[in-house]
mmCIF file of all heavy atoms, coordinates in Angstrom:
data_MODEL
# 
_entry.id   MODEL 
# 
loop_
_atom_site.group_PDB 
_atom_site.id 
_atom_site.type_symbol 
_atom_site.label_atom_id 
_atom_site.label_alt_id 
_atom_site.label_comp_id 
_atom_site.label_asym_id 
_atom_site.label_entity_id 
_atom_site.label_seq_id 
_atom_site.pdbx_PDB_ins_code 
_atom_site.Cartn_x 
_atom_site.Cartn_y 
_atom_site.Cartn_z 
_atom_site.occupancy 
_atom_site.B_iso_or_equiv 
_atom_site.pdbx_formal_charge 
_atom_site.auth_seq_id 
_atom_site.auth_comp_id 
_atom_site.auth_asym_id 
_atom_site.auth_atom_id 
_atom_site.pdbx_PDB_model_num 
ATOM 1   N N   . ALA A 1 1  ? 0.813  -1.229  0.000  1.00 0.00 ? 1  ALA A N   1 
ATOM 2   C CA  . ALA A 1 1  ? 0.000  0.000   0.000  1.00 0.00 ? 1  ALA A CA  1 
ATOM 3   C C   . ALA A 1 1  ? 0.837  1.265   0.000  1.00 0.00 ? 1  ALA A C   1 
ATOM 4   O O   . ALA A 1 1  ? 0.436  2.286   -0.594 1.00 0.00 ? 1  ALA A O   1 
ATOM 5   C CB  . ALA A 1 1  ? -0.928 -0.005  1.217  1.00 0.00 ? 1  ALA A CB  1 
ATOM 6   N N   . ASP A 1 2  ? 2.006  1.234   0.671  1.00 0.00 ? 2  ASP A N   1 
ATOM 7   C CA  . ASP A 1 2  ? 2.764  2.465   0.887  1.00 0.00 ? 2  ASP A CA  1 
ATOM 8   C C   . ASP A 1 2  ? 4.130  2.497   0.207  1.00 0.00 ? 2  ASP A C   1 
ATOM 9   O O   . ASP A 1 2  ? 4.858  3.474   0.333  1.00 0.00 ? 2  ASP A O   1 
ATOM 10  C CB  . ASP A 1 2  ? 2.950  2.673   2.394  1.00 0.00 ? 2  ASP A CB  1 
ATOM 11  C CG  . ASP A 1 2  ? 1.622  2.804   3.115  1.00 0.00 ? 2  ASP A CG  1 
ATOM 12  O OD1 . ASP A 1 2  ? 1.019  3.883   3.059  1.00 0.00 ? 2  ASP A OD1 1 
ATOM 13  O OD2 . ASP A 1 2  ? 1.176  1.803   3.716  1.00 0.00 ? 2  ASP A OD2 1 
ATOM 14  N N   . GLY A 1 3  ? 4.494  1.423   -0.490 1.00 0.00 ? 3  GLY A N   1 
ATOM 15  C CA  . GLY A 1 3  ? 5.772  1.404   -1.184 1.00 0.00 ? 3  GLY A CA  1 
ATOM 16  C C   . GLY A 1 3  ? 6.914  0.929   -0.299 1.00 0.00 ? 3  GLY A C   1 
ATOM 17  O O   . GLY A 1 3  ? 6.771  0.808   0.922  1.00 0.00 ? 3  GLY A O   1 
ATOM 18  N N   . PRO A 1 4  ? 8.075  0.662   -0.897 1.00 0.00 ? 4  PRO A N   1 
ATOM 19  C CA  . PRO A 1 4  ? 9.226  0.141   -0.151 1.00 0.00 ? 4  PRO A CA  1 
ATOM 20  C C   . PRO A 1 4  ? 9.699  1.124   0.922  1.00 0.00 ? 4  PRO A C   1 
ATOM 21  O O   . PRO A 1 4  ? 9.832  2.324   0.653  1.00 0.00 ? 4  PRO A O   1 
ATOM 22  C CB  . PRO A 1 4  ? 10.294 -0.048  -1.231 1.00 0.00 ? 4  PRO A CB  1 
ATOM 23  C CG  . PRO A 1 4  ? 9.537  -0.117  -2.512 1.00 0.00 ? 4  PRO A CG  1 
ATOM 24  C CD  . PRO A 1 4  ? 8.346  0.772   -2.333 1.00 0.00 ? 4  PRO A CD  1 
ATOM 25  N N   . PRO A 1 5  ? 9.944  0.651   2.145  1.00 0.00 ? 5  PRO A N   1 
ATOM 26  C CA  . PRO A 1 5  ? 10.413 1.516   3.227  1.00 0.00 ? 5  PRO A CA  1 
ATOM 27  C C   . PRO A 1 5  ? 11.937 1.521   3.305  1.00 0.00 ? 5  PRO A C   1 
ATOM 28  O O   . PRO A 1 5  ? 12.628 0.808   2.568  1.00 0.00 ? 5  PRO A O   1 
ATOM 29  C CB  . PRO A 1 5  ? 9.821  0.833   4.457  1.00 0.00 ? 5  PRO A CB  1 
ATOM 30  C CG  . PRO A 1 5  ? 9.902  -0.628  4.110  1.00 0.00 ? 5  PRO A CG  1 
ATOM 31  C CD  . PRO A 1 5  ? 9.664  -0.718  2.623  1.00 0.00 ? 5  PRO A CD  1 
ATOM 32  N N   . GLU A 1 6  ? 12.435 2.317   4.245  1.00 0.00 ? 6  GLU A N   1 
ATOM 33  C CA  . GLU A 1 6  ? 13.875 2.297   4.527  1.00 0.00 ? 6  GLU A CA  1 
ATOM 34  C C   . GLU A 1 6  ? 14.279 0.932   5.070  1.00 0.00 ? 6  GLU A C   1 
ATOM 35  O O   . GLU A 1 6  ? 15.339 0.409   4.746  1.00 0.00 ? 6  GLU A O   1 
ATOM 36  C CB  . GLU A 1 6  ? 14.215 3.388   5.545  1.00 0.00 ? 6  GLU A CB  1 
ATOM 37  C CG  . GLU A 1 6  ? 15.675 3.397   5.986  1.00 0.00 ? 6  GLU A CG  1 
ATOM 38  C CD  . GLU A 1 6  ? 15.919 4.364   7.137  1.00 0.00 ? 6  GLU A CD  1 
ATOM 39  O OE1 . GLU A 1 6  ? 15.065 5.238   7.380  1.00 0.00 ? 6  GLU A OE1 1 
ATOM 40  O OE2 . GLU A 1 6  ? 16.968 4.211   7.807  1.00 0.00 ? 6  GLU A OE2 1 
ATOM 41  N N   . ILE A 1 7  ? 13.398 0.361   5.895  1.00 0.00 ? 7  ILE A N   1 
ATOM 42  C CA  . ILE A 1 7  ? 13.683 -0.943  6.480  1.00 0.00 ? 7  ILE A CA  1 
ATOM 43  C C   . ILE A 1 7  ? 12.388 -1.744  6.567  1.00 0.00 ? 7  ILE A C   1 
ATOM 44  O O   . ILE A 1 7  ? 11.351 -1.225  6.983  1.00 0.00 ? 7  ILE A O   1 
ATOM 45  C CB  . ILE A 1 7  ? 14.344 -0.802  7.870  1.00 0.00 ? 7  ILE A CB  1 
ATOM 46  C CG1 . ILE A 1 7  ? 14.732 -2.179  8.423  1.00 0.00 ? 7  ILE A CG1 1 
ATOM 47  C CG2 . ILE A 1 7  ? 13.469 -0.051  8.841  1.00 0.00 ? 7  ILE A CG2 1 
ATOM 48  C CD1 . ILE A 1 7  ? 15.696 -2.107  9.604  1.00 0.00 ? 7  ILE A CD1 1 
ATOM 49  N N   . LEU A 1 8  ? 12.450 -2.988  6.135  1.00 0.00 ? 8  LEU A N   1 
ATOM 50  C CA  . LEU A 1 8  ? 11.290 -3.871  6.183  1.00 0.00 ? 8  LEU A CA  1 
ATOM 51  C C   . LEU A 1 8  ? 11.290 -4.625  7.514  1.00 0.00 ? 8  LEU A C   1 
ATOM 52  O O   . LEU A 1 8  ? 12.297 -5.224  7.896  1.00 0.00 ? 8  LEU A O   1 
ATOM 53  C CB  . LEU A 1 8  ? 11.345 -4.879  5.041  1.00 0.00 ? 8  LEU A CB  1 
ATOM 54  C CG  . LEU A 1 8  ? 10.247 -5.954  5.071  1.00 0.00 ? 8  LEU A CG  1 
ATOM 55  C CD1 . LEU A 1 8  ? 8.913  -5.375  4.621  1.00 0.00 ? 8  LEU A CD1 1 
ATOM 56  C CD2 . LEU A 1 8  ? 10.631 -7.162  4.221  1.00 0.00 ? 8  LEU A CD2 1 
ATOM 57  N N   . TYR A 1 9  ? 10.174 -4.608  8.211  1.00 0.00 ? 9  TYR A N   1 
ATOM 58  C CA  . TYR A 1 9  ? 10.025 -5.415  9.422  1.00 0.00 ? 9  TYR A CA  1 
ATOM 59  C C   . TYR A 1 9  ? 9.464  -6.776  9.005  1.00 0.00 ? 9  TYR A C   1 
ATOM 60  O O   . TYR A 1 9  ? 8.317  -6.895  8.595  1.00 0.00 ? 9  TYR A O   1 
ATOM 61  C CB  . TYR A 1 9  ? 9.102  -4.722  10.421 1.00 0.00 ? 9  TYR A CB  1 
ATOM 62  C CG  . TYR A 1 9  ? 8.743  -5.565  11.641 1.00 0.00 ? 9  TYR A CG  1 
ATOM 63  C CD1 . TYR A 1 9  ? 9.568  -6.602  12.091 1.00 0.00 ? 9  TYR A CD1 1 
ATOM 64  C CD2 . TYR A 1 9  ? 7.576  -5.314  12.353 1.00 0.00 ? 9  TYR A CD2 1 
ATOM 65  C CE1 . TYR A 1 9  ? 9.240  -7.365  13.194 1.00 0.00 ? 9  TYR A CE1 1 
ATOM 66  C CE2 . TYR A 1 9  ? 7.230  -6.066  13.476 1.00 0.00 ? 9  TYR A CE2 1 
ATOM 67  C CZ  . TYR A 1 9  ? 8.064  -7.104  13.882 1.00 0.00 ? 9  TYR A CZ  1 
ATOM 68  O OH  . TYR A 1 9  ? 7.729  -7.866  14.972 1.00 0.00 ? 9  TYR A OH  1 
ATOM 69  N N   . TRP A 1 10 ? 10.330 -7.780  9.097  1.00 0.00 ? 10 TRP A N   1 
ATOM 70  C CA  . TRP A 1 10 ? 9.905  -9.153  8.827  1.00 0.00 ? 10 TRP A CA  1 
ATOM 71  C C   . TRP A 1 10 ? 9.323  -9.696  10.131 1.00 0.00 ? 10 TRP A C   1 
ATOM 72  O O   . TRP A 1 10 ? 10.035 -10.018 11.057 1.00 0.00 ? 10 TRP A O   1 
ATOM 73  C CB  . TRP A 1 10 ? 11.091 -10.009 8.372  1.00 0.00 ? 10 TRP A CB  1 
ATOM 74  C CG  . TRP A 1 10 ? 10.674 -11.386 7.922  1.00 0.00 ? 10 TRP A CG  1 
ATOM 75  C CD1 . TRP A 1 10 ? 10.446 -12.465 8.698  1.00 0.00 ? 10 TRP A CD1 1 
ATOM 76  C CD2 . TRP A 1 10 ? 10.420 -11.792 6.582  1.00 0.00 ? 10 TRP A CD2 1 
ATOM 77  N NE1 . TRP A 1 10 ? 10.052 -13.530 7.942  1.00 0.00 ? 10 TRP A NE1 1 
ATOM 78  C CE2 . TRP A 1 10 ? 10.033 -13.153 6.624  1.00 0.00 ? 10 TRP A CE2 1 
ATOM 79  C CE3 . TRP A 1 10 ? 10.467 -11.148 5.338  1.00 0.00 ? 10 TRP A CE3 1 
ATOM 80  C CZ2 . TRP A 1 10 ? 9.714  -13.877 5.478  1.00 0.00 ? 10 TRP A CZ2 1 
ATOM 81  C CZ3 . TRP A 1 10 ? 10.156 -11.884 4.201  1.00 0.00 ? 10 TRP A CZ3 1 
ATOM 82  C CH2 . TRP A 1 10 ? 9.781  -13.224 4.271  1.00 0.00 ? 10 TRP A CH2 1 
ATOM 83  N N   . VAL A 1 11 ? 8.005  -9.782  10.180 1.00 0.00 ? 11 VAL A N   1 
ATOM 84  C CA  . VAL A 1 11 ? 7.318  -10.112 11.426 1.00 0.00 ? 11 VAL A CA  1 
ATOM 85  C C   . VAL A 1 11 ? 7.573  -11.558 11.835 1.00 0.00 ? 11 VAL A C   1 
ATOM 86  O O   . VAL A 1 11 ? 7.814  -11.854 13.004 1.00 0.00 ? 11 VAL A O   1 
ATOM 87  C CB  . VAL A 1 11 ? 5.804  -9.847  11.295 1.00 0.00 ? 11 VAL A CB  1 
ATOM 88  C CG1 . VAL A 1 11 ? 5.091  -10.169 12.601 1.00 0.00 ? 11 VAL A CG1 1 
ATOM 89  C CG2 . VAL A 1 11 ? 5.559  -8.407  10.877 1.00 0.00 ? 11 VAL A CG2 1 
ATOM 90  N N   . GLY A 1 12 ? 7.516  -12.461 10.883 1.00 0.00 ? 12 GLY A N   1 
ATOM 91  C CA  . GLY A 1 12 ? 7.695  -13.877 11.190 1.00 0.00 ? 12 GLY A CA  1 
ATOM 92  C C   . GLY A 1 12 ? 6.395  -14.533 11.607 1.00 0.00 ? 12 GLY A C   1 
ATOM 93  O O   . GLY A 1 12 ? 5.447  -13.876 12.052 1.00 0.00 ? 12 GLY A O   1 
ATOM 94  N N   . CYS A 1 13 ? 6.346  -15.844 11.469 1.00 0.00 ? 13 CYS A N   1 
ATOM 95  C CA  . CYS A 1 13 ? 5.099  -16.580 11.719 1.00 0.00 ? 13 CYS A CA  1 
ATOM 96  C C   . CYS A 1 13 ? 4.688  -16.541 13.183 1.00 0.00 ? 13 CYS A C   1 
ATOM 97  O O   . CYS A 1 13 ? 3.504  -16.364 13.506 1.00 0.00 ? 13 CYS A O   1 
ATOM 98  C CB  . CYS A 1 13 ? 5.257  -18.031 11.270 1.00 0.00 ? 13 CYS A CB  1 
ATOM 99  S SG  . CYS A 1 13 ? 5.642  -18.214 9.516  1.00 0.00 ? 13 CYS A SG  1 
ATOM 100 N N   . THR A 1 14 ? 5.648  -16.712 14.096 1.00 0.00 ? 14 THR A N   1 
ATOM 101 C CA  . THR A 1 14 ? 5.294  -16.807 15.511 1.00 0.00 ? 14 THR A CA  1 
ATOM 102 C C   . THR A 1 14 ? 4.744  -15.483 16.023 1.00 0.00 ? 14 THR A C   1 
ATOM 103 O O   . THR A 1 14 ? 3.738  -15.450 16.746 1.00 0.00 ? 14 THR A O   1 
ATOM 104 C CB  . THR A 1 14 ? 6.513  -17.239 16.336 1.00 0.00 ? 14 THR A CB  1 
ATOM 105 O OG1 . THR A 1 14 ? 7.126  -18.372 15.715 1.00 0.00 ? 14 THR A OG1 1 
ATOM 106 C CG2 . THR A 1 14 ? 6.103  -17.631 17.747 1.00 0.00 ? 14 THR A CG2 1 
ATOM 107 N N   . ALA A 1 15 ? 5.385  -14.391 15.665 1.00 0.00 ? 15 ALA A N   1 
ATOM 108 C CA  . ALA A 1 15 ? 4.903  -13.079 16.118 1.00 0.00 ? 15 ALA A CA  1 
ATOM 109 C C   . ALA A 1 15 ? 3.565  -12.732 15.487 1.00 0.00 ? 15 ALA A C   1 
ATOM 110 O O   . ALA A 1 15 ? 2.767  -11.988 16.070 1.00 0.00 ? 15 ALA A O   1 
ATOM 111 C CB  . ALA A 1 15 ? 5.933  -12.004 15.786 1.00 0.00 ? 15 ALA A CB  1 
ATOM 112 N N   . ALA A 1 16 ? 3.285  -13.286 14.317 1.00 0.00 ? 16 ALA A N   1 
ATOM 113 C CA  . ALA A 1 16 ? 2.027  -12.976 13.640 1.00 0.00 ? 16 ALA A CA  1 
ATOM 114 C C   . ALA A 1 16 ? 0.870  -13.826 14.164 1.00 0.00 ? 16 ALA A C   1 
ATOM 115 O O   . ALA A 1 16 ? -0.255 -13.328 14.292 1.00 0.00 ? 16 ALA A O   1 
ATOM 116 C CB  . ALA A 1 16 ? 2.179  -13.185 12.133 1.00 0.00 ? 16 ALA A CB  1 
ATOM 117 N N   . PHE A 1 17 ? 1.140  -15.090 14.492 1.00 0.00 ? 17 PHE A N   1 
ATOM 118 C CA  . PHE A 1 17 ? 0.043  -16.007 14.790 1.00 0.00 ? 17 PHE A CA  1 
ATOM 119 C C   . PHE A 1 17 ? -0.045 -16.454 16.245 1.00 0.00 ? 17 PHE A C   1 
ATOM 120 O O   . PHE A 1 17 ? -1.095 -16.940 16.667 1.00 0.00 ? 17 PHE A O   1 
ATOM 121 C CB  . PHE A 1 17 ? 0.150  -17.241 13.893 1.00 0.00 ? 17 PHE A CB  1 
ATOM 122 C CG  . PHE A 1 17 ? -0.022 -16.932 12.439 1.00 0.00 ? 17 PHE A CG  1 
ATOM 123 C CD1 . PHE A 1 17 ? 1.071  -16.877 11.587 1.00 0.00 ? 17 PHE A CD1 1 
ATOM 124 C CD2 . PHE A 1 17 ? -1.274 -16.663 11.923 1.00 0.00 ? 17 PHE A CD2 1 
ATOM 125 C CE1 . PHE A 1 17 ? 0.920  -16.582 10.247 1.00 0.00 ? 17 PHE A CE1 1 
ATOM 126 C CE2 . PHE A 1 17 ? -1.441 -16.359 10.572 1.00 0.00 ? 17 PHE A CE2 1 
ATOM 127 C CZ  . PHE A 1 17 ? -0.341 -16.311 9.733  1.00 0.00 ? 17 PHE A CZ  1 
ATOM 128 N N   . ASP A 1 18 ? 1.013  -16.324 17.015 1.00 0.00 ? 18 ASP A N   1 
ATOM 129 C CA  . ASP A 1 18 ? 0.966  -16.701 18.429 1.00 0.00 ? 18 ASP A CA  1 
ATOM 130 C C   . ASP A 1 18 ? 0.526  -15.491 19.249 1.00 0.00 ? 18 ASP A C   1 
ATOM 131 O O   . ASP A 1 18 ? 1.155  -14.427 19.193 1.00 0.00 ? 18 ASP A O   1 
ATOM 132 C CB  . ASP A 1 18 ? 2.342  -17.187 18.896 1.00 0.00 ? 18 ASP A CB  1 
ATOM 133 C CG  . ASP A 1 18 ? 2.376  -17.466 20.384 1.00 0.00 ? 18 ASP A CG  1 
ATOM 134 O OD1 . ASP A 1 18 ? 1.683  -18.390 20.835 1.00 0.00 ? 18 ASP A OD1 1 
ATOM 135 O OD2 . ASP A 1 18 ? 3.094  -16.724 21.091 1.00 0.00 ? 18 ASP A OD2 1 
ATOM 136 N N   . GLU A 1 19 ? -0.524 -15.657 20.014 1.00 0.00 ? 19 GLU A N   1 
ATOM 137 C CA  . GLU A 1 19 ? -1.102 -14.530 20.745 1.00 0.00 ? 19 GLU A CA  1 
ATOM 138 C C   . GLU A 1 19 ? -0.094 -13.872 21.673 1.00 0.00 ? 19 GLU A C   1 
ATOM 139 O O   . GLU A 1 19 ? -0.047 -12.638 21.775 1.00 0.00 ? 19 GLU A O   1 
ATOM 140 C CB  . GLU A 1 19 ? -2.320 -15.008 21.540 1.00 0.00 ? 19 GLU A CB  1 
ATOM 141 C CG  . GLU A 1 19 ? -3.046 -13.884 22.264 1.00 0.00 ? 19 GLU A CG  1 
ATOM 142 C CD  . GLU A 1 19 ? -4.275 -14.376 23.004 1.00 0.00 ? 19 GLU A CD  1 
ATOM 143 O OE1 . GLU A 1 19 ? -4.634 -15.562 22.829 1.00 0.00 ? 19 GLU A OE1 1 
ATOM 144 O OE2 . GLU A 1 19 ? -4.868 -13.578 23.763 1.00 0.00 ? 19 GLU A OE2 1 
ATOM 145 N N   . ARG A 1 20 ? 0.724  -14.659 22.344 1.00 0.00 ? 20 ARG A N   1 
ATOM 146 C CA  . ARG A 1 20 ? 1.711  -14.086 23.274 1.00 0.00 ? 20 ARG A CA  1 
ATOM 147 C C   . ARG A 1 20 ? 2.733  -13.247 22.520 1.00 0.00 ? 20 ARG A C   1 
ATOM 148 O O   . ARG A 1 20 ? 3.100  -12.144 22.963 1.00 0.00 ? 20 ARG A O   1 
ATOM 149 C CB  . ARG A 1 20 ? 2.408  -15.218 24.049 1.00 0.00 ? 20 ARG A CB  1 
ATOM 150 C CG  . ARG A 1 20 ? 3.566  -14.755 24.923 1.00 0.00 ? 20 ARG A CG  1 
ATOM 151 C CD  . ARG A 1 20 ? 3.068  -13.810 26.028 1.00 0.00 ? 20 ARG A CD  1 
ATOM 152 N NE  . ARG A 1 20 ? 4.165  -13.233 26.780 1.00 0.00 ? 20 ARG A NE  1 
ATOM 153 C CZ  . ARG A 1 20 ? 4.821  -12.129 26.423 1.00 0.00 ? 20 ARG A CZ  1 
ATOM 154 N NH1 . ARG A 1 20 ? 4.480  -11.466 25.307 1.00 0.00 ? 20 ARG A NH1 1 
ATOM 155 N NH2 . ARG A 1 20 ? 5.796  -11.655 27.187 1.00 0.00 ? 20 ARG A NH2 1 
ATOM 156 N N   . ASN A 1 21 ? 3.206  -13.722 21.397 1.00 0.00 ? 21 ASN A N   1 
ATOM 157 C CA  . ASN A 1 21 ? 4.242  -13.004 20.661 1.00 0.00 ? 21 ASN A CA  1 
ATOM 158 C C   . ASN A 1 21 ? 3.697  -11.853 19.829 1.00 0.00 ? 21 ASN A C   1 
ATOM 159 O O   . ASN A 1 21 ? 4.470  -11.001 19.375 1.00 0.00 ? 21 ASN A O   1 
ATOM 160 C CB  . ASN A 1 21 ? 5.019  -13.990 19.777 1.00 0.00 ? 21 ASN A CB  1 
ATOM 161 C CG  . ASN A 1 21 ? 6.113  -14.711 20.559 1.00 0.00 ? 21 ASN A CG  1 
ATOM 162 O OD1 . ASN A 1 21 ? 7.164  -14.149 20.844 1.00 0.00 ? 21 ASN A OD1 1 
ATOM 163 N ND2 . ASN A 1 21 ? 5.839  -15.953 20.937 1.00 0.00 ? 21 ASN A ND2 1 
ATOM 164 N N   . GLN A 1 22 ? 2.381  -11.818 19.636 1.00 0.00 ? 22 GLN A N   1 
ATOM 165 C CA  . GLN A 1 22 ? 1.796  -10.647 18.973 1.00 0.00 ? 22 GLN A CA  1 
ATOM 166 C C   . GLN A 1 22 ? 2.058  -9.381  19.789 1.00 0.00 ? 22 GLN A C   1 
ATOM 167 O O   . GLN A 1 22 ? 2.241  -8.294  19.233 1.00 0.00 ? 22 GLN A O   1 
ATOM 168 C CB  . GLN A 1 22 ? 0.290  -10.851 18.787 1.00 0.00 ? 22 GLN A CB  1 
ATOM 169 C CG  . GLN A 1 22 ? -0.068 -11.857 17.700 1.00 0.00 ? 22 GLN A CG  1 
ATOM 170 C CD  . GLN A 1 22 ? -1.559 -12.114 17.611 1.00 0.00 ? 22 GLN A CD  1 
ATOM 171 O OE1 . GLN A 1 22 ? -2.325 -11.763 18.521 1.00 0.00 ? 22 GLN A OE1 1 
ATOM 172 N NE2 . GLN A 1 22 ? -1.990 -12.722 16.511 1.00 0.00 ? 22 GLN A NE2 1 
ATOM 173 N N   . ARG A 1 23 ? 2.129  -9.537  21.103 1.00 0.00 ? 23 ARG A N   1 
ATOM 174 C CA  . ARG A 1 23 ? 2.406  -8.379  21.969 1.00 0.00 ? 23 ARG A CA  1 
ATOM 175 C C   . ARG A 1 23 ? 3.844  -7.884  21.765 1.00 0.00 ? 23 ARG A C   1 
ATOM 176 O O   . ARG A 1 23 ? 4.116  -6.685  21.892 1.00 0.00 ? 23 ARG A O   1 
ATOM 177 C CB  . ARG A 1 23 ? 2.159  -8.744  23.438 1.00 0.00 ? 23 ARG A CB  1 
ATOM 178 C CG  . ARG A 1 23 ? 0.732  -9.199  23.712 1.00 0.00 ? 23 ARG A CG  1 
ATOM 179 C CD  . ARG A 1 23 ? 0.324  -8.996  25.170 1.00 0.00 ? 23 ARG A CD  1 
ATOM 180 N NE  . ARG A 1 23 ? 1.106  -9.770  26.109 1.00 0.00 ? 23 ARG A NE  1 
ATOM 181 C CZ  . ARG A 1 23 ? 0.784  -10.987 26.528 1.00 0.00 ? 23 ARG A CZ  1 
ATOM 182 N NH1 . ARG A 1 23 ? -0.307 -11.605 26.042 1.00 0.00 ? 23 ARG A NH1 1 
ATOM 183 N NH2 . ARG A 1 23 ? 1.517  -11.613 27.417 1.00 0.00 ? 23 ARG A NH2 1 
ATOM 184 N N   . VAL A 1 24 ? 4.742  -8.799  21.452 1.00 0.00 ? 24 VAL A N   1 
ATOM 185 C CA  . VAL A 1 24 ? 6.133  -8.410  21.171 1.00 0.00 ? 24 VAL A CA  1 
ATOM 186 C C   . VAL A 1 24 ? 6.189  -7.618  19.869 1.00 0.00 ? 24 VAL A C   1 
ATOM 187 O O   . VAL A 1 24 ? 6.849  -6.571  19.784 1.00 0.00 ? 24 VAL A O   1 
ATOM 188 C CB  . VAL A 1 24 ? 7.043  -9.653  21.089 1.00 0.00 ? 24 VAL A CB  1 
ATOM 189 C CG1 . VAL A 1 24 ? 8.466  -9.237  20.720 1.00 0.00 ? 24 VAL A CG1 1 
ATOM 190 C CG2 . VAL A 1 24 ? 7.035  -10.422 22.399 1.00 0.00 ? 24 VAL A CG2 1 
ATOM 191 N N   . ALA A 1 25 ? 5.501  -8.117  18.849 1.00 0.00 ? 25 ALA A N   1 
ATOM 192 C CA  . ALA A 1 25 ? 5.478  -7.414  17.564 1.00 0.00 ? 25 ALA A CA  1 
ATOM 193 C C   . ALA A 1 25 ? 4.911  -6.002  17.724 1.00 0.00 ? 25 ALA A C   1 
ATOM 194 O O   . ALA A 1 25 ? 5.450  -5.030  17.172 1.00 0.00 ? 25 ALA A O   1 
ATOM 195 C CB  . ALA A 1 25 ? 4.658  -8.205  16.549 1.00 0.00 ? 25 ALA A CB  1 
ATOM 196 N N   . ALA A 1 26 ? 3.846  -5.885  18.506 1.00 0.00 ? 26 ALA A N   1 
ATOM 197 C CA  . ALA A 1 26 ? 3.228  -4.567  18.721 1.00 0.00 ? 26 ALA A CA  1 
ATOM 198 C C   . ALA A 1 26 ? 4.174  -3.635  19.466 1.00 0.00 ? 26 ALA A C   1 
ATOM 199 O O   . ALA A 1 26 ? 4.311  -2.444  19.116 1.00 0.00 ? 26 ALA A O   1 
ATOM 200 C CB  . ALA A 1 26 ? 1.917  -4.730  19.493 1.00 0.00 ? 26 ALA A CB  1 
# 
């Protein structure tokens, strides 16, 4: 939506789908 950034945050599967690690990503 916004184009390439200076740095891409690769969230990873665990941070995206595990409820506990979603708080780390946030």
